[in-house]
């Protein structure tokens, strides 16, 4: 991977999320849903890291000595936990407004995170042990090219963890009709036709030379909130590795 790799950014998507920049860190603002999702996604990521690298689940800095990048990082909601886990972290986002908010917030937390404005074109030549990109692949211009770009920046034995909504009637109802319709998700965030099914995403990953290790559903329970499990109808996470 190098700095001349083609961008996969959709300008209208970058503008949409850039307009939300000032609100990213407000747990009651327009990004409230992400704040509710984050603990569950972090739980999944930590489980995958511990299993893959045989880490001590009680180690508070299991990623010490490893490089990680979150692509489509927004204002850093995942970058900061990865940094606290000990990783050397890069955060990349297509919206410069998000990157600026992310830098200011990380500075306030005493965290050294390398934030960059762009997409896979900003990954640089040095490969990563861990790449995350959550709720991003459905927003890019060319999902196959985006996945290839991520795969190309991964070290042998490294992990790529993605999450994305599934293209089902359930996701249309929950995320667009209800979520955006009633204001829980900013209107215009999603285009249901761009959602990827698990088989489609697996195809992109395998075509990029990666081995899919795990797929897990992310669903919503009225009594428990967001939960991990076998139900892939709403949203799902995928872990893959470079052999």
C-alpha atoms as a PDB file:
ATOM      1  CA  UNK A   1       0.000   0.000   0.000  1.00  0.00           C
ATOM      2  CA  UNK A   2       1.275   3.461  -0.823  1.00  0.00           C
ATOM      3  CA  UNK A   3       0.168   7.043  -0.696  1.00  0.00           C
ATOM      4  CA  UNK A   4      -0.774   7.033  -4.390  1.00  0.00           C
ATOM      5  CA  UNK A   5      -3.484   4.385  -3.974  1.00  0.00           C
ATOM      6  CA  UNK A   6      -6.796   5.548  -5.488  1.00  0.00           C
ATOM      7  CA  UNK A   7      -9.354   7.038  -3.144  1.00  0.00           C
ATOM      8  CA  UNK A   8     -12.707   5.313  -2.672  1.00  0.00           C
ATOM      9  CA  UNK A   9     -14.336   8.308  -0.992  1.00  0.00           C
ATOM     10  CA  UNK A  10     -17.820   9.392  -2.035  1.00  0.00           C
ATOM     11  CA  UNK A  11     -17.803  13.181  -1.687  1.00  0.00           C
ATOM     12  CA  UNK A  12     -21.430  13.432  -0.599  1.00  0.00           C
ATOM     13  CA  UNK A  13     -20.833  10.881   2.166  1.00  0.00           C
ATOM     14  CA  UNK A  14     -17.784  12.759   3.464  1.00  0.00           C
ATOM     15  CA  UNK A  15     -19.750  15.992   3.491  1.00  0.00           C
ATOM     16  CA  UNK A  16     -22.659  14.377   5.349  1.00  0.00           C
ATOM     17  CA  UNK A  17     -20.473  13.026   8.147  1.00  0.00           C
ATOM     18  CA  UNK A  18     -18.338  16.158   8.245  1.00  0.00           C
ATOM     19  CA  UNK A  19     -21.472  18.146   9.046  1.00  0.00           C
ATOM     20  CA  UNK A  20     -21.905  15.983  12.157  1.00  0.00           C
ATOM     21  CA  UNK A  21     -18.335  16.537  13.390  1.00  0.00           C
ATOM     22  CA  UNK A  22     -19.071  18.832  16.315  1.00  0.00           C
ATOM     23  CA  UNK A  23     -21.549  16.321  17.724  1.00  0.00           C
ATOM     24  CA  UNK A  24     -19.473  13.103  17.567  1.00  0.00           C
ATOM     25  CA  UNK A  25     -18.462  13.038  21.234  1.00  0.00           C
ATOM     26  CA  UNK A  26     -21.877  13.991  22.625  1.00  0.00           C
ATOM     27  CA  UNK A  27     -23.493  10.717  23.827  1.00  0.00           C
ATOM     28  CA  UNK A  28     -26.909  12.402  23.582  1.00  0.00           C
ATOM     29  CA  UNK A  29     -26.310  14.094  20.219  1.00  0.00           C
ATOM     30  CA  UNK A  30     -26.581  12.938  16.628  1.00  0.00           C
ATOM     31  CA  UNK A  31     -24.006  10.191  17.230  1.00  0.00           C
ATOM     32  CA  UNK A  32     -25.834   8.755  20.256  1.00  0.00           C
ATOM     33  CA  UNK A  33     -26.406   5.458  18.427  1.00  0.00           C
ATOM     34  CA  UNK A  34     -22.650   5.042  17.896  1.00  0.00           C
ATOM     35  CA  UNK A  35     -22.021   5.582  21.598  1.00  0.00           C
ATOM     36  CA  UNK A  36     -24.496   2.793  22.338  1.00  0.00           C
ATOM     37  CA  UNK A  37     -22.881   0.528  19.739  1.00  0.00           C
ATOM     38  CA  UNK A  38     -19.285   1.150  20.761  1.00  0.00           C
ATOM     39  CA  UNK A  39     -19.080  -1.040  23.905  1.00  0.00           C
ATOM     40  CA  UNK A  40     -20.499  -4.051  22.039  1.00  0.00           C
ATOM     41  CA  UNK A  41     -18.171  -3.557  19.081  1.00  0.00           C
ATOM     42  CA  UNK A  42     -15.192  -3.177  21.429  1.00  0.00           C
ATOM     43  CA  UNK A  43     -16.167  -6.397  23.170  1.00  0.00           C
ATOM     44  CA  UNK A  44     -16.142  -8.216  19.844  1.00  0.00           C
ATOM     45  CA  UNK A  45     -12.816  -6.707  18.798  1.00  0.00           C
ATOM     46  CA  UNK A  46     -11.165  -7.582  22.107  1.00  0.00           C
ATOM     47  CA  UNK A  47     -12.408 -11.176  21.889  1.00  0.00           C
ATOM     48  CA  UNK A  48     -11.017 -11.524  18.364  1.00  0.00           C
ATOM     49  CA  UNK A  49      -7.660 -10.024  19.340  1.00  0.00           C
ATOM     50  CA  UNK A  50      -7.327 -12.259  22.404  1.00  0.00           C
ATOM     51  CA  UNK A  51      -8.174 -15.369  20.412  1.00  0.00           C
ATOM     52  CA  UNK A  52      -6.006 -14.627  17.386  1.00  0.00           C
ATOM     53  CA  UNK A  53      -2.875 -13.549  19.228  1.00  0.00           C
ATOM     54  CA  UNK A  54      -3.487 -15.688  22.329  1.00  0.00           C
ATOM     55  CA  UNK A  55      -3.465 -12.626  24.547  1.00  0.00           C
ATOM     56  CA  UNK A  56      -4.179 -12.449  28.250  1.00  0.00           C
ATOM     57  CA  UNK A  57      -7.784 -11.291  28.518  1.00  0.00           C
ATOM     58  CA  UNK A  58      -6.867  -9.411  31.703  1.00  0.00           C
ATOM     59  CA  UNK A  59      -3.974  -7.515  30.095  1.00  0.00           C
ATOM     60  CA  UNK A  60      -4.868  -3.821  29.984  1.00  0.00           C
ATOM     61  CA  UNK A  61      -2.391  -3.073  27.143  1.00  0.00           C
ATOM     62  CA  UNK A  62      -2.497  -6.192  24.947  1.00  0.00           C
ATOM     63  CA  UNK A  63      -1.720  -4.234  21.765  1.00  0.00           C
ATOM     64  CA  UNK A  64       1.594  -2.820  22.985  1.00  0.00           C
ATOM     65  CA  UNK A  65       4.099  -3.041  20.140  1.00  0.00           C
ATOM     66  CA  UNK A  66       1.399  -3.360  17.464  1.00  0.00           C
ATOM     67  CA  UNK A  67       0.271  -0.866  14.820  1.00  0.00           C
ATOM     68  CA  UNK A  68      -3.449  -0.317  14.330  1.00  0.00           C
ATOM     69  CA  UNK A  69      -5.487   1.862  12.007  1.00  0.00           C
ATOM     70  CA  UNK A  70      -9.189   2.700  12.031  1.00  0.00           C
ATOM     71  CA  UNK A  71     -10.343   3.668   8.542  1.00  0.00           C
ATOM     72  CA  UNK A  72     -13.419   5.877   8.566  1.00  0.00           C
ATOM     73  CA  UNK A  73     -12.653   6.789  12.159  1.00  0.00           C
ATOM     74  CA  UNK A  74     -15.060   9.701  12.535  1.00  0.00           C
ATOM     75  CA  UNK A  75     -13.946  11.699  15.557  1.00  0.00           C
ATOM     76  CA  UNK A  76     -12.021   8.812  17.115  1.00  0.00           C
ATOM     77  CA  UNK A  77     -14.559   6.790  19.093  1.00  0.00           C
ATOM     78  CA  UNK A  78     -12.651   3.594  18.324  1.00  0.00           C
ATOM     79  CA  UNK A  79      -9.146   5.035  17.935  1.00  0.00           C
ATOM     80  CA  UNK A  80      -8.986   6.168  21.543  1.00  0.00           C
ATOM     81  CA  UNK A  81      -9.813   2.742  23.052  1.00  0.00           C
ATOM     82  CA  UNK A  82      -7.291   1.102  20.706  1.00  0.00           C
ATOM     83  CA  UNK A  83      -4.647   3.561  21.898  1.00  0.00           C
ATOM     84  CA  UNK A  84      -5.504   2.793  25.521  1.00  0.00           C
ATOM     85  CA  UNK A  85      -5.016  -0.899  24.711  1.00  0.00           C
ATOM     86  CA  UNK A  86      -1.426  -0.019  23.873  1.00  0.00           C
ATOM     87  CA  UNK A  87      -1.446   0.173  20.072  1.00  0.00           C
ATOM     88  CA  UNK A  88       0.330   2.759  17.959  1.00  0.00           C
ATOM     89  CA  UNK A  89      -2.822   4.123  16.313  1.00  0.00           C
ATOM     90  CA  UNK A  90      -3.570   5.837  13.024  1.00  0.00           C
ATOM     91  CA  UNK A  91      -7.052   7.214  12.379  1.00  0.00           C
ATOM     92  CA  UNK A  92      -8.211   8.040   8.855  1.00  0.00           C
ATOM     93  CA  UNK A  93     -11.416   9.806   7.863  1.00  0.00           C
ATOM     94  CA  UNK A  94     -12.672  11.333   4.623  1.00  0.00           C
ATOM     95  CA  UNK A  95     -14.050  14.405   6.409  1.00  0.00           C
ATOM     96  CA  UNK A  96     -11.360  16.901   7.530  1.00  0.00           C
ATOM     97  CA  UNK A  97     -13.848  18.282  10.054  1.00  0.00           C
ATOM     98  CA  UNK A  98     -13.958  14.912  11.822  1.00  0.00           C
ATOM     99  CA  UNK A  99     -10.172  14.647  11.855  1.00  0.00           C
ATOM    100  CA  UNK A 100      -9.841  18.048  13.501  1.00  0.00           C
ATOM    101  CA  UNK A 101     -12.372  17.163  16.216  1.00  0.00           C
ATOM    102  CA  UNK A 102     -10.618  13.821  16.737  1.00  0.00           C
ATOM    103  CA  UNK A 103      -7.221  15.502  17.186  1.00  0.00           C
ATOM    104  CA  UNK A 104      -8.537  17.991  19.706  1.00  0.00           C
ATOM    105  CA  UNK A 105     -10.297  15.300  21.735  1.00  0.00           C
ATOM    106  CA  UNK A 106      -7.281  12.963  21.741  1.00  0.00           C
ATOM    107  CA  UNK A 107      -5.015  15.811  22.853  1.00  0.00           C
ATOM    108  CA  UNK A 108      -7.405  16.485  25.717  1.00  0.00           C
ATOM    109  CA  UNK A 109      -7.134  12.845  26.753  1.00  0.00           C
ATOM    110  CA  UNK A 110      -3.334  12.801  26.542  1.00  0.00           C
ATOM    111  CA  UNK A 111      -3.430  10.262  23.679  1.00  0.00           C
ATOM    112  CA  UNK A 112      -0.940  10.336  20.796  1.00  0.00           C
ATOM    113  CA  UNK A 113      -2.962   9.301  17.734  1.00  0.00           C
ATOM    114  CA  UNK A 114      -1.896   9.972  14.140  1.00  0.00           C
ATOM    115  CA  UNK A 115      -5.018  11.339  12.466  1.00  0.00           C
ATOM    116  CA  UNK A 116      -5.087  11.750   8.683  1.00  0.00           C
ATOM    117  CA  UNK A 117      -7.736  13.141   6.318  1.00  0.00           C
ATOM    118  CA  UNK A 118      -8.453  10.839   3.362  1.00  0.00           C
ATOM    119  CA  UNK A 119      -9.258   7.183   2.730  1.00  0.00           C
ATOM    120  CA  UNK A 120      -7.145   4.163   1.803  1.00  0.00           C
ATOM    121  CA  UNK A 121      -4.893   6.581  -0.077  1.00  0.00           C
ATOM    122  CA  UNK A 122      -3.591   7.727   3.324  1.00  0.00           C
ATOM    123  CA  UNK A 123      -2.603   4.332   4.733  1.00  0.00           C
ATOM    124  CA  UNK A 124       1.050   4.787   3.770  1.00  0.00           C
ATOM    125  CA  UNK A 125       3.744   2.190   3.056  1.00  0.00           C
ATOM    126  CA  UNK A 126       4.166   0.647   6.518  1.00  0.00           C
ATOM    127  CA  UNK A 127       1.756  -2.277   7.113  1.00  0.00           C
ATOM    128  CA  UNK A 128      -0.512  -2.701  10.127  1.00  0.00           C
ATOM    129  CA  UNK A 129      -1.105  -5.542  12.577  1.00  0.00           C
ATOM    130  CA  UNK A 130      -4.754  -4.533  12.976  1.00  0.00           C
ATOM    131  CA  UNK A 131      -7.100  -2.679  10.648  1.00  0.00           C
ATOM    132  CA  UNK A 132     -10.640  -1.795  11.677  1.00  0.00           C
ATOM    133  CA  UNK A 133     -13.317  -0.142   9.567  1.00  0.00           C
ATOM    134  CA  UNK A 134     -16.740  -0.107  11.180  1.00  0.00           C
ATOM    135  CA  UNK A 135     -19.904   1.000   9.382  1.00  0.00           C
ATOM    136  CA  UNK A 136     -17.814   2.314   6.488  1.00  0.00           C
ATOM    137  CA  UNK A 137     -17.755  -0.138   3.568  1.00  0.00           C
ATOM    138  CA  UNK A 138     -21.406   0.617   2.743  1.00  0.00           C
ATOM    139  CA  UNK A 139     -20.491   4.293   2.247  1.00  0.00           C
ATOM    140  CA  UNK A 140     -17.539   3.970  -0.168  1.00  0.00           C
ATOM    141  CA  UNK A 141     -17.595   4.309  -3.957  1.00  0.00           C
ATOM    142  CA  UNK A 142     -16.183   0.866  -4.750  1.00  0.00           C
ATOM    143  CA  UNK A 143     -16.404  -1.697  -1.916  1.00  0.00           C
ATOM    144  CA  UNK A 144     -14.200  -4.246  -3.695  1.00  0.00           C
ATOM    145  CA  UNK A 145     -11.419  -1.689  -4.274  1.00  0.00           C
ATOM    146  CA  UNK A 146     -11.789  -0.456  -0.692  1.00  0.00           C
ATOM    147  CA  UNK A 147     -11.366  -3.964   0.725  1.00  0.00           C
ATOM    148  CA  UNK A 148      -8.373  -4.584  -1.555  1.00  0.00           C
ATOM    149  CA  UNK A 149      -6.789  -1.398  -0.263  1.00  0.00           C
ATOM    150  CA  UNK A 150      -7.287  -2.451   3.345  1.00  0.00           C
ATOM    151  CA  UNK A 151      -5.965  -5.936   2.639  1.00  0.00           C
ATOM    152  CA  UNK A 152      -2.876  -4.497   0.987  1.00  0.00           C
ATOM    153  CA  UNK A 153      -2.007  -2.561   4.134  1.00  0.00           C
ATOM    154  CA  UNK A 154      -2.190  -5.606   6.413  1.00  0.00           C
ATOM    155  CA  UNK A 155       0.841  -7.491   7.722  1.00  0.00           C
ATOM    156  CA  UNK A 156       1.000 -11.266   7.236  1.00  0.00           C
ATOM    157  CA  UNK A 157      -0.926 -12.695  10.170  1.00  0.00           C
ATOM    158  CA  UNK A 158      -2.642  -9.345  10.720  1.00  0.00           C
ATOM    159  CA  UNK A 159      -6.361  -8.908  11.362  1.00  0.00           C
ATOM    160  CA  UNK A 160      -8.955  -6.896   9.454  1.00  0.00           C
ATOM    161  CA  UNK A 161     -12.229  -6.320  11.321  1.00  0.00           C
ATOM    162  CA  UNK A 162     -15.217  -4.820   9.515  1.00  0.00           C
ATOM    163  CA  UNK A 163     -18.814  -4.152  10.454  1.00  0.00           C
ATOM    164  CA  UNK A 164     -21.689  -3.187   8.193  1.00  0.00           C
ATOM    165  CA  UNK A 165     -25.486  -3.399   7.939  1.00  0.00           C
ATOM    166  CA  UNK A 166     -26.944  -6.381   6.104  1.00  0.00           C
ATOM    167  CA  UNK A 167     -29.197  -5.699   3.105  1.00  0.00           C
ATOM    168  CA  UNK A 168     -32.414  -7.167   4.473  1.00  0.00           C
ATOM    169  CA  UNK A 169     -35.970  -5.967   5.094  1.00  0.00           C
ATOM    170  CA  UNK A 170     -35.077  -5.868   8.799  1.00  0.00           C
ATOM    171  CA  UNK A 171     -32.263  -3.370   8.275  1.00  0.00           C
ATOM    172  CA  UNK A 172     -34.404  -1.197   5.990  1.00  0.00           C
ATOM    173  CA  UNK A 173     -37.155  -1.033   8.610  1.00  0.00           C
ATOM    174  CA  UNK A 174     -34.911  -0.555  11.651  1.00  0.00           C
ATOM    175  CA  UNK A 175     -32.228   1.751  10.289  1.00  0.00           C
ATOM    176  CA  UNK A 176     -33.998   3.829   7.665  1.00  0.00           C
ATOM    177  CA  UNK A 177     -37.765   3.730   8.152  1.00  0.00           C
ATOM    178  CA  UNK A 178     -37.592   3.896  11.963  1.00  0.00           C
ATOM    179  CA  UNK A 179     -34.033   5.011  12.773  1.00  0.00           C
ATOM    180  CA  UNK A 180     -33.793   7.881  10.323  1.00  0.00           C
ATOM    181  CA  UNK A 181     -37.526   8.483  10.202  1.00  0.00           C
ATOM    182  CA  UNK A 182     -37.741   9.183  13.940  1.00  0.00           C
ATOM    183  CA  UNK A 183     -34.383  10.945  14.266  1.00  0.00           C
ATOM    184  CA  UNK A 184     -32.401   8.280  16.128  1.00  0.00           C
ATOM    185  CA  UNK A 185     -30.011   8.262  13.157  1.00  0.00           C
ATOM    186  CA  UNK A 186     -29.326  11.466  11.161  1.00  0.00           C
ATOM    187  CA  UNK A 187     -31.528  11.519   8.075  1.00  0.00           C
ATOM    188  CA  UNK A 188     -29.659  10.647   4.882  1.00  0.00           C
ATOM    189  CA  UNK A 189     -26.996   8.556   6.630  1.00  0.00           C
ATOM    190  CA  UNK A 190     -27.831   5.306   4.849  1.00  0.00           C
ATOM    191  CA  UNK A 191     -28.571   4.095   1.336  1.00  0.00           C
ATOM    192  CA  UNK A 192     -30.094   0.629   1.758  1.00  0.00           C
ATOM    193  CA  UNK A 193     -29.149  -0.384  -1.771  1.00  0.00           C
ATOM    194  CA  UNK A 194     -25.465  -0.029  -0.832  1.00  0.00           C
ATOM    195  CA  UNK A 195     -25.671  -2.396   2.146  1.00  0.00           C
ATOM    196  CA  UNK A 196     -23.678  -5.620   1.685  1.00  0.00           C
ATOM    197  CA  UNK A 197     -24.829  -9.114   2.527  1.00  0.00           C
ATOM    198  CA  UNK A 198     -22.385 -11.358   4.426  1.00  0.00           C
ATOM    199  CA  UNK A 199     -21.807 -13.433   1.276  1.00  0.00           C
ATOM    200  CA  UNK A 200     -20.993 -10.320  -0.754  1.00  0.00           C
ATOM    201  CA  UNK A 201     -18.535  -9.022   1.824  1.00  0.00           C
ATOM    202  CA  UNK A 202     -16.933 -12.444   2.209  1.00  0.00           C
ATOM    203  CA  UNK A 203     -16.483 -12.500  -1.563  1.00  0.00           C
ATOM    204  CA  UNK A 204     -14.645  -9.159  -1.493  1.00  0.00           C
ATOM    205  CA  UNK A 205     -12.416 -10.314   1.370  1.00  0.00           C
ATOM    206  CA  UNK A 206     -11.504 -13.620  -0.230  1.00  0.00           C
ATOM    207  CA  UNK A 207     -10.879 -11.947  -3.588  1.00  0.00           C
ATOM    208  CA  UNK A 208      -8.432  -9.662  -1.771  1.00  0.00           C
ATOM    209  CA  UNK A 209      -6.509 -12.714  -0.519  1.00  0.00           C
ATOM    210  CA  UNK A 210      -7.831 -12.751   3.026  1.00  0.00           C
ATOM    211  CA  UNK A 211      -9.119 -15.672   5.078  1.00  0.00           C
ATOM    212  CA  UNK A 212     -12.439 -15.052   6.846  1.00  0.00           C
ATOM    213  CA  UNK A 213     -12.176 -16.246  10.450  1.00  0.00           C
ATOM    214  CA  UNK A 214     -15.443 -15.165  12.035  1.00  0.00           C
ATOM    215  CA  UNK A 215     -18.808 -13.572  11.281  1.00  0.00           C
ATOM    216  CA  UNK A 216     -21.082 -12.490  14.113  1.00  0.00           C
ATOM    217  CA  UNK A 217     -24.398 -10.684  14.140  1.00  0.00           C
ATOM    218  CA  UNK A 218     -25.120  -7.423  15.901  1.00  0.00           C
ATOM    219  CA  UNK A 219     -28.782  -7.087  16.782  1.00  0.00           C
ATOM    220  CA  UNK A 220     -30.977  -5.047  19.114  1.00  0.00           C
ATOM    221  CA  UNK A 221     -32.869  -6.371  22.119  1.00  0.00           C
ATOM    222  CA  UNK A 222     -35.536  -4.164  23.759  1.00  0.00           C
ATOM    223  CA  UNK A 223     -34.381  -5.388  27.175  1.00  0.00           C
ATOM    224  CA  UNK A 224     -30.601  -5.666  26.652  1.00  0.00           C
ATOM    225  CA  UNK A 225     -29.800  -3.109  23.962  1.00  0.00           C
ATOM    226  CA  UNK A 226     -27.269  -4.071  21.288  1.00  0.00           C
ATOM    227  CA  UNK A 227     -26.087  -7.665  21.544  1.00  0.00           C
ATOM    228  CA  UNK A 228     -23.769 -10.023  19.676  1.00  0.00           C
ATOM    229  CA  UNK A 229     -25.082 -13.341  18.402  1.00  0.00           C
ATOM    230  CA  UNK A 230     -26.039 -15.483  15.441  1.00  0.00           C
ATOM    231  CA  UNK A 231     -28.686 -13.110  14.068  1.00  0.00           C
ATOM    232  CA  UNK A 232     -27.137 -11.360  11.045  1.00  0.00           C
ATOM    233  CA  UNK A 233     -30.324  -9.707   9.786  1.00  0.00           C
ATOM    234  CA  UNK A 234     -29.629  -6.185  11.060  1.00  0.00           C
ATOM    235  CA  UNK A 235     -25.872  -5.761  11.201  1.00  0.00           C
ATOM    236  CA  UNK A 236     -22.786  -7.963  11.463  1.00  0.00           C
ATOM    237  CA  UNK A 237     -19.043  -7.979  12.128  1.00  0.00           C
ATOM    238  CA  UNK A 238     -16.441  -9.914  10.158  1.00  0.00           C
ATOM    239  CA  UNK A 239     -12.877 -10.781  11.140  1.00  0.00           C
ATOM    240  CA  UNK A 240     -10.384 -11.845   8.498  1.00  0.00           C
ATOM    241  CA  UNK A 241      -6.629 -12.390   8.421  1.00  0.00           C
ATOM    242  CA  UNK A 242      -3.818 -12.144   5.924  1.00  0.00           C
ATOM    243  CA  UNK A 243      -2.243 -15.619   5.638  1.00  0.00           C
END
